[in-house]
N, C-alpha and C. Protein backbone atom coordinates (compact mmCIF):
# COMPACT_ATOMS: atom_id res chain seq x y z
N MET A 1 5.72 -37.30 -8.14
CA MET A 1 5.83 -35.97 -7.75
C MET A 1 5.06 -35.14 -8.66
N SER A 2 4.17 -34.17 -7.96
CA SER A 2 3.37 -33.34 -8.86
C SER A 2 3.89 -32.06 -8.88
N THR A 3 3.66 -31.42 -9.98
CA THR A 3 4.16 -29.97 -10.28
C THR A 3 3.18 -29.00 -9.68
N PRO A 4 3.73 -27.82 -9.21
CA PRO A 4 2.72 -26.97 -8.70
C PRO A 4 1.90 -26.26 -9.80
N ALA A 5 0.74 -25.92 -9.42
CA ALA A 5 -0.08 -25.33 -10.54
C ALA A 5 0.44 -23.90 -10.91
N PRO A 6 0.39 -23.48 -12.17
CA PRO A 6 0.96 -22.25 -12.67
C PRO A 6 0.02 -21.14 -11.94
N ARG A 7 0.66 -20.11 -11.60
CA ARG A 7 0.00 -19.02 -11.01
C ARG A 7 -0.60 -18.06 -11.99
N ASP A 8 -1.69 -17.46 -11.61
CA ASP A 8 -2.27 -16.58 -12.34
C ASP A 8 -1.96 -15.10 -11.86
N TYR A 9 -0.92 -14.63 -12.58
CA TYR A 9 -0.37 -13.27 -12.13
C TYR A 9 -1.44 -12.17 -12.47
N ALA A 10 -1.57 -11.20 -11.54
CA ALA A 10 -2.33 -10.13 -11.61
C ALA A 10 -1.77 -9.03 -12.67
N GLY A 11 -2.60 -8.58 -13.42
CA GLY A 11 -2.08 -7.58 -14.53
C GLY A 11 -2.01 -6.17 -13.81
N PRO A 12 -1.43 -5.26 -14.66
CA PRO A 12 -1.12 -3.91 -14.10
C PRO A 12 -2.32 -3.19 -13.89
N VAL A 13 -3.51 -3.48 -14.57
CA VAL A 13 -4.68 -2.48 -14.33
C VAL A 13 -5.38 -2.81 -13.08
N SER A 14 -5.44 -4.14 -12.84
CA SER A 14 -6.10 -4.55 -11.49
C SER A 14 -5.34 -4.03 -10.32
N ARG A 15 -4.00 -4.24 -10.64
CA ARG A 15 -3.00 -3.79 -9.46
C ARG A 15 -3.09 -2.30 -9.19
N ALA A 16 -3.05 -1.56 -10.30
CA ALA A 16 -3.27 -0.10 -10.15
C ALA A 16 -4.48 0.27 -9.56
N ILE A 17 -5.65 -0.30 -9.90
CA ILE A 17 -6.83 0.07 -9.28
C ILE A 17 -6.99 -0.23 -7.77
N ALA A 18 -6.34 -1.49 -7.38
CA ALA A 18 -6.34 -1.83 -5.94
C ALA A 18 -5.51 -0.83 -5.23
N TYR A 19 -4.31 -0.47 -5.82
CA TYR A 19 -3.39 0.45 -5.08
C TYR A 19 -4.20 1.85 -4.91
N ALA A 20 -4.85 2.33 -5.98
CA ALA A 20 -5.56 3.55 -6.03
C ALA A 20 -6.65 3.60 -4.91
N LEU A 21 -7.40 2.44 -4.71
CA LEU A 21 -8.36 2.32 -3.68
C LEU A 21 -7.68 2.35 -2.34
N ASP A 22 -6.65 1.71 -2.01
CA ASP A 22 -5.97 1.84 -0.78
C ASP A 22 -5.44 3.14 -0.53
N THR A 23 -4.90 3.89 -1.56
CA THR A 23 -4.45 5.11 -1.32
C THR A 23 -5.57 6.03 -1.05
N LEU A 24 -6.64 5.98 -1.66
CA LEU A 24 -7.85 6.69 -1.30
C LEU A 24 -8.42 6.42 0.09
N ILE A 25 -8.26 5.30 0.67
CA ILE A 25 -8.64 4.90 2.04
C ILE A 25 -7.63 5.53 2.97
N VAL A 26 -6.37 5.54 2.77
CA VAL A 26 -5.48 6.10 3.69
C VAL A 26 -5.63 7.72 3.51
N ALA A 27 -5.68 8.28 2.39
CA ALA A 27 -5.94 9.78 2.30
C ALA A 27 -7.21 10.04 2.88
N SER A 28 -8.21 9.42 2.78
CA SER A 28 -9.43 9.72 3.44
C SER A 28 -9.54 9.78 4.82
N PHE A 29 -8.80 8.72 5.49
CA PHE A 29 -8.58 8.74 7.06
C PHE A 29 -7.72 10.00 7.37
N PHE A 30 -6.72 10.22 6.64
CA PHE A 30 -5.77 11.40 6.93
C PHE A 30 -6.52 12.65 6.88
N THR A 31 -7.18 12.90 5.82
CA THR A 31 -8.05 14.16 5.51
C THR A 31 -9.03 14.22 6.72
N GLY A 32 -9.75 13.21 6.88
CA GLY A 32 -10.79 13.33 7.95
C GLY A 32 -10.21 13.65 9.39
N GLY A 33 -9.16 13.09 9.65
CA GLY A 33 -8.40 13.40 10.93
C GLY A 33 -7.91 14.80 10.92
N ALA A 34 -7.35 15.21 9.90
CA ALA A 34 -6.86 16.69 9.81
C ALA A 34 -7.98 17.55 9.93
N ALA A 35 -9.04 17.31 9.25
CA ALA A 35 -10.30 18.23 9.37
C ALA A 35 -10.76 18.25 10.63
N LEU A 36 -11.03 17.11 11.34
CA LEU A 36 -11.40 17.14 12.76
C LEU A 36 -10.48 17.95 13.63
N ALA A 37 -9.29 17.73 13.48
CA ALA A 37 -8.29 18.44 14.35
C ALA A 37 -8.30 19.94 14.06
N GLY A 38 -8.50 20.34 12.94
CA GLY A 38 -8.61 21.75 12.45
C GLY A 38 -9.94 22.43 13.05
N PHE A 39 -11.05 21.55 12.94
CA PHE A 39 -12.25 22.08 13.64
C PHE A 39 -12.16 22.34 15.07
N ILE A 40 -11.59 21.33 15.77
CA ILE A 40 -11.48 21.39 17.26
C ILE A 40 -10.48 22.56 17.56
N THR A 41 -9.42 22.75 16.93
CA THR A 41 -8.55 23.79 17.28
C THR A 41 -8.95 25.17 16.92
N SER A 42 -9.94 25.25 15.80
CA SER A 42 -10.42 26.49 15.44
C SER A 42 -11.34 27.17 16.54
N VAL A 43 -11.85 26.29 17.35
CA VAL A 43 -12.58 26.75 18.52
C VAL A 43 -11.76 27.24 19.68
N MET A 44 -10.50 26.61 19.86
CA MET A 44 -9.84 26.89 20.95
C MET A 44 -8.79 28.21 20.63
N GLY A 45 -8.81 28.77 19.59
CA GLY A 45 -8.02 30.02 19.31
C GLY A 45 -7.06 29.89 18.23
N ALA A 46 -6.63 31.03 17.76
CA ALA A 46 -5.74 31.32 16.56
C ALA A 46 -4.38 30.57 16.69
N GLU A 47 -3.80 30.75 17.85
CA GLU A 47 -2.46 30.22 18.01
C GLU A 47 -2.44 28.70 17.90
N ILE A 48 -3.28 28.05 18.44
CA ILE A 48 -3.47 26.60 18.43
C ILE A 48 -3.82 26.10 16.95
N HIS A 49 -4.73 26.92 16.35
CA HIS A 49 -5.17 26.60 14.97
C HIS A 49 -3.93 26.68 14.02
N ASP A 50 -3.18 27.75 14.24
CA ASP A 50 -1.87 27.81 13.36
C ASP A 50 -0.90 26.67 13.56
N LEU A 51 -0.78 26.25 14.76
CA LEU A 51 -0.11 25.13 15.03
C LEU A 51 -0.68 23.72 14.38
N THR A 52 -1.82 23.68 14.55
CA THR A 52 -2.51 22.55 13.90
C THR A 52 -2.36 22.54 12.38
N ARG A 53 -2.44 23.67 11.69
CA ARG A 53 -2.32 23.85 10.24
C ARG A 53 -0.78 23.40 9.87
N ALA A 54 0.25 23.82 10.68
CA ALA A 54 1.67 23.42 10.48
C ALA A 54 1.81 22.00 10.60
N ALA A 55 1.17 21.32 11.65
CA ALA A 55 1.12 19.99 11.95
C ALA A 55 0.68 19.12 10.73
N ALA A 56 -0.54 19.61 10.15
CA ALA A 56 -1.13 19.00 9.09
C ALA A 56 -0.24 18.98 7.88
N SER A 57 0.43 20.06 7.49
CA SER A 57 1.34 20.17 6.49
C SER A 57 2.46 19.18 6.73
N ALA A 58 3.06 19.08 7.92
CA ALA A 58 4.04 18.05 8.25
C ALA A 58 3.55 16.60 8.01
N LEU A 59 2.29 16.35 8.39
CA LEU A 59 1.66 15.09 8.20
C LEU A 59 1.49 14.80 6.72
N LEU A 60 1.28 15.67 6.01
CA LEU A 60 1.21 15.46 4.57
C LEU A 60 2.42 14.87 4.02
N LEU A 61 3.56 15.36 4.46
CA LEU A 61 4.84 14.66 4.16
C LEU A 61 4.99 13.24 4.60
N MET A 62 4.26 12.83 5.72
CA MET A 62 4.19 11.52 6.27
C MET A 62 3.22 10.59 5.56
N LEU A 63 2.41 11.10 4.52
CA LEU A 63 1.47 10.26 3.96
C LEU A 63 2.08 8.99 3.26
N PRO A 64 3.14 9.16 2.61
CA PRO A 64 3.69 7.91 2.11
C PRO A 64 4.13 6.84 3.24
N ALA A 65 4.58 7.31 4.34
CA ALA A 65 4.99 6.40 5.53
C ALA A 65 3.55 5.76 5.98
N MET A 66 2.57 6.53 6.14
CA MET A 66 1.22 5.95 6.56
C MET A 66 0.63 5.02 5.57
N LEU A 67 0.82 5.25 4.34
CA LEU A 67 0.49 4.32 3.34
C LEU A 67 1.26 2.99 3.32
N ALA A 68 2.64 3.25 3.51
CA ALA A 68 3.46 2.02 3.68
C ALA A 68 3.15 1.11 4.94
N ALA A 69 2.77 1.83 6.03
CA ALA A 69 2.54 1.04 7.29
C ALA A 69 1.25 0.43 7.10
N TYR A 70 0.20 1.02 6.49
CA TYR A 70 -1.07 0.50 6.12
C TYR A 70 -0.91 -0.85 5.17
N CYS A 71 -0.27 -0.67 4.26
CA CYS A 71 0.07 -1.93 3.25
C CYS A 71 0.74 -2.82 3.83
N ALA A 72 1.94 -2.54 4.56
CA ALA A 72 2.65 -3.62 5.24
C ALA A 72 1.86 -4.47 6.25
N LEU A 73 1.10 -3.78 7.04
CA LEU A 73 0.37 -4.39 8.01
C LEU A 73 -0.58 -5.50 7.44
N PHE A 74 -1.44 -5.02 6.46
CA PHE A 74 -2.40 -5.90 5.72
C PHE A 74 -1.65 -7.05 4.90
N TRP A 75 -0.74 -6.64 4.19
CA TRP A 75 0.03 -7.79 3.57
C TRP A 75 0.60 -8.72 4.44
N ALA A 76 1.25 -8.43 5.55
CA ALA A 76 1.83 -9.29 6.57
C ALA A 76 0.76 -10.22 7.26
N LEU A 77 -0.42 -9.59 7.45
CA LEU A 77 -1.40 -10.22 8.27
C LEU A 77 -2.35 -11.05 7.41
N ALA A 78 -2.72 -10.46 6.30
CA ALA A 78 -3.81 -11.16 5.48
C ALA A 78 -3.30 -11.40 4.09
N GLY A 79 -2.23 -10.90 3.64
CA GLY A 79 -1.67 -11.26 2.29
C GLY A 79 -2.35 -10.31 1.26
N ARG A 80 -3.25 -9.36 1.80
CA ARG A 80 -3.80 -8.43 0.77
C ARG A 80 -4.49 -7.27 1.56
N THR A 81 -4.49 -6.13 0.81
CA THR A 81 -5.14 -4.97 1.40
C THR A 81 -6.62 -4.96 1.27
N PRO A 82 -7.51 -4.06 1.70
CA PRO A 82 -8.83 -3.96 1.37
C PRO A 82 -9.02 -3.79 -0.08
N GLY A 83 -8.30 -2.94 -0.76
CA GLY A 83 -8.40 -2.66 -2.17
C GLY A 83 -8.09 -3.98 -2.99
N MET A 84 -7.09 -4.69 -2.65
CA MET A 84 -6.79 -6.07 -3.16
C MET A 84 -7.87 -6.91 -3.15
N ALA A 85 -8.34 -7.12 -1.92
CA ALA A 85 -9.52 -8.02 -1.59
C ALA A 85 -10.74 -7.78 -2.49
N LEU A 86 -11.08 -6.55 -2.73
CA LEU A 86 -12.18 -6.16 -3.67
C LEU A 86 -11.99 -6.55 -5.09
N LEU A 87 -10.67 -6.66 -5.53
CA LEU A 87 -10.32 -7.07 -6.81
C LEU A 87 -9.89 -8.54 -7.00
N GLY A 88 -9.90 -9.24 -5.76
CA GLY A 88 -9.56 -10.65 -5.87
C GLY A 88 -8.12 -10.88 -6.12
N LEU A 89 -7.27 -10.09 -5.48
CA LEU A 89 -5.85 -10.18 -5.59
C LEU A 89 -5.10 -10.59 -4.31
N ARG A 90 -4.10 -11.10 -4.29
CA ARG A 90 -3.20 -11.43 -2.95
C ARG A 90 -1.69 -11.41 -3.33
N VAL A 91 -1.00 -10.75 -2.30
CA VAL A 91 0.49 -10.80 -2.41
C VAL A 91 0.95 -12.24 -1.89
N VAL A 92 1.89 -12.79 -2.61
CA VAL A 92 2.40 -14.10 -2.17
C VAL A 92 3.98 -13.99 -2.33
N ALA A 93 4.57 -14.84 -1.41
CA ALA A 93 6.00 -14.81 -1.55
C ALA A 93 6.44 -15.81 -2.88
N VAL A 94 7.45 -15.39 -3.49
CA VAL A 94 7.77 -16.18 -4.79
C VAL A 94 8.14 -17.53 -4.54
N ARG A 95 8.82 -17.80 -3.33
CA ARG A 95 9.05 -19.23 -2.88
C ARG A 95 7.94 -19.59 -2.10
N PRO A 96 7.73 -20.81 -2.06
CA PRO A 96 6.57 -21.40 -1.28
C PRO A 96 6.68 -21.34 0.19
N GLN A 97 6.42 -20.09 0.64
CA GLN A 97 6.56 -20.04 2.04
C GLN A 97 5.53 -18.79 2.36
N HIS A 98 5.30 -18.65 3.73
CA HIS A 98 4.45 -17.45 4.04
C HIS A 98 5.11 -16.10 3.88
N LEU A 99 4.40 -15.15 3.53
CA LEU A 99 4.94 -13.70 3.38
C LEU A 99 5.29 -13.22 4.59
N SER A 100 6.68 -13.04 4.78
CA SER A 100 7.13 -12.43 6.00
C SER A 100 6.90 -10.95 6.25
N TRP A 101 7.08 -10.58 7.53
CA TRP A 101 6.93 -9.14 7.87
C TRP A 101 7.97 -8.38 7.19
N ILE A 102 9.13 -8.88 7.02
CA ILE A 102 10.17 -8.15 6.44
C ILE A 102 9.96 -7.88 4.88
N SER A 103 9.37 -8.92 4.26
CA SER A 103 9.10 -8.90 2.82
C SER A 103 7.93 -7.84 2.70
N ALA A 104 6.92 -7.93 3.59
CA ALA A 104 5.80 -6.99 3.47
C ALA A 104 6.28 -5.53 3.63
N ALA A 105 7.33 -5.31 4.55
CA ALA A 105 7.77 -3.97 4.92
C ALA A 105 8.58 -3.44 3.71
N VAL A 106 9.54 -4.33 3.22
CA VAL A 106 10.31 -3.87 2.15
C VAL A 106 9.51 -3.46 0.83
N ARG A 107 8.48 -4.36 0.59
CA ARG A 107 7.57 -4.18 -0.49
C ARG A 107 6.76 -2.75 -0.41
N ALA A 108 6.32 -2.47 0.86
CA ALA A 108 5.49 -1.37 1.12
C ALA A 108 6.33 -0.09 1.10
N VAL A 109 7.46 -0.17 1.63
CA VAL A 109 8.32 1.07 1.57
C VAL A 109 8.80 1.51 0.25
N VAL A 110 9.30 0.42 -0.54
CA VAL A 110 9.81 0.80 -1.80
C VAL A 110 8.52 1.17 -2.60
N LEU A 111 7.45 0.57 -2.65
CA LEU A 111 6.25 1.11 -3.36
C LEU A 111 5.76 2.48 -2.99
N ALA A 112 5.71 2.71 -1.64
CA ALA A 112 5.34 4.10 -1.20
C ALA A 112 6.34 5.22 -1.57
N TYR A 113 7.61 4.90 -1.55
CA TYR A 113 8.53 5.94 -1.82
C TYR A 113 9.26 5.86 -3.21
N PHE A 114 9.01 4.92 -3.94
CA PHE A 114 9.48 4.80 -5.33
C PHE A 114 8.42 4.31 -6.22
N PRO A 115 7.24 4.90 -6.30
CA PRO A 115 6.09 4.27 -7.10
C PRO A 115 6.42 4.14 -8.55
N ILE A 116 7.45 4.82 -9.00
CA ILE A 116 7.66 4.73 -10.43
C ILE A 116 8.24 3.27 -10.79
N GLY A 117 8.82 2.64 -9.70
CA GLY A 117 9.15 1.28 -9.89
C GLY A 117 8.13 0.34 -10.24
N ALA A 118 6.91 0.74 -9.99
CA ALA A 118 5.82 -0.07 -10.28
C ALA A 118 5.50 -0.26 -11.76
N VAL A 119 6.13 0.62 -12.60
CA VAL A 119 5.95 0.54 -14.03
C VAL A 119 6.43 -0.64 -14.68
N TRP A 120 7.45 -1.25 -13.85
CA TRP A 120 8.05 -2.36 -14.51
C TRP A 120 7.05 -3.68 -14.58
N VAL A 121 5.82 -3.54 -13.99
CA VAL A 121 5.00 -4.68 -14.18
C VAL A 121 4.39 -4.76 -15.66
N LEU A 122 4.56 -3.64 -16.26
CA LEU A 122 4.20 -3.56 -17.81
C LEU A 122 5.08 -4.63 -18.64
N VAL A 123 6.36 -4.71 -18.25
CA VAL A 123 7.27 -5.49 -19.07
C VAL A 123 7.60 -6.85 -18.43
N ASP A 124 7.40 -7.11 -17.35
CA ASP A 124 7.84 -8.23 -16.73
C ASP A 124 6.83 -9.39 -16.91
N ARG A 125 7.26 -10.67 -17.19
CA ARG A 125 6.44 -11.65 -17.56
C ARG A 125 5.44 -12.10 -16.42
N ARG A 126 5.96 -11.86 -15.19
CA ARG A 126 5.02 -12.19 -14.07
C ARG A 126 4.51 -10.92 -13.33
N HIS A 127 4.59 -9.87 -14.17
CA HIS A 127 3.94 -8.63 -13.71
C HIS A 127 4.48 -8.16 -12.31
N GLN A 128 5.75 -8.31 -12.21
CA GLN A 128 6.50 -7.84 -10.99
C GLN A 128 7.04 -6.50 -11.10
N GLY A 129 6.75 -5.71 -10.05
CA GLY A 129 7.39 -4.39 -10.11
C GLY A 129 8.74 -4.39 -9.39
N VAL A 130 9.52 -3.41 -9.16
CA VAL A 130 10.78 -3.30 -8.55
C VAL A 130 10.42 -3.72 -7.06
N HIS A 131 9.35 -3.17 -6.52
CA HIS A 131 9.19 -3.55 -5.19
C HIS A 131 8.90 -5.03 -4.80
N ASP A 132 8.28 -5.66 -5.83
CA ASP A 132 8.05 -7.20 -5.84
C ASP A 132 9.41 -7.87 -6.03
N LYS A 133 10.32 -7.51 -6.91
CA LYS A 133 11.53 -8.10 -7.07
C LYS A 133 12.38 -7.99 -5.75
N LEU A 134 12.50 -6.85 -5.20
CA LEU A 134 13.25 -6.58 -3.95
C LEU A 134 12.63 -7.56 -2.82
N ALA A 135 11.35 -7.58 -2.71
CA ALA A 135 10.80 -8.33 -1.50
C ALA A 135 10.65 -9.72 -1.94
N ARG A 136 10.87 -10.13 -3.19
CA ARG A 136 10.52 -11.60 -3.63
C ARG A 136 9.13 -11.86 -3.41
N THR A 137 8.30 -11.11 -4.03
CA THR A 137 6.86 -11.29 -3.92
C THR A 137 6.17 -11.22 -5.49
N ALA A 138 4.98 -11.69 -5.44
CA ALA A 138 4.11 -11.57 -6.63
C ALA A 138 2.82 -11.33 -6.14
N VAL A 139 1.92 -10.80 -7.22
CA VAL A 139 0.61 -10.49 -6.99
C VAL A 139 -0.19 -11.53 -7.91
N VAL A 140 -0.93 -12.29 -7.25
CA VAL A 140 -1.80 -13.28 -8.01
C VAL A 140 -3.34 -13.08 -7.81
N ARG A 141 -4.05 -13.53 -8.71
CA ARG A 141 -5.43 -13.60 -8.75
C ARG A 141 -5.87 -14.71 -7.82
N VAL A 142 -6.90 -14.46 -7.08
CA VAL A 142 -7.52 -15.63 -6.17
C VAL A 142 -8.96 -15.67 -6.37
N GLY A 143 -9.49 -16.84 -6.22
CA GLY A 143 -10.94 -17.21 -6.35
C GLY A 143 -11.86 -16.07 -6.64
């Protein structure tokens, strides 16, 4: 019987850079959409423009939810987000199984709404944050 190869767990710096890249992607799409909506409604009149400004402010509160949805979708489908792919990182289930949608969603929601829990990667031997512990995941380096 062979033993599984040890995993090369990703460190806090590469994980933080990947998350910052993904946050930048989500924020850019959000900002671009809000700017386009503002431009279109500015032509339509002051009343609609004020309504759009209020909606953009409300959407700003939704930014963590959009980031969580983005991350959960990529983690469940590909095991990594575009930011993680650029740095050669992948989210894997701690147990030898495929990363489930539930694990991806739990991980994404906890990370988006409780980002301070990611600081735990600095002291954990497998560099797991609170979101990893709750979702039973780890981030590893790949090829």
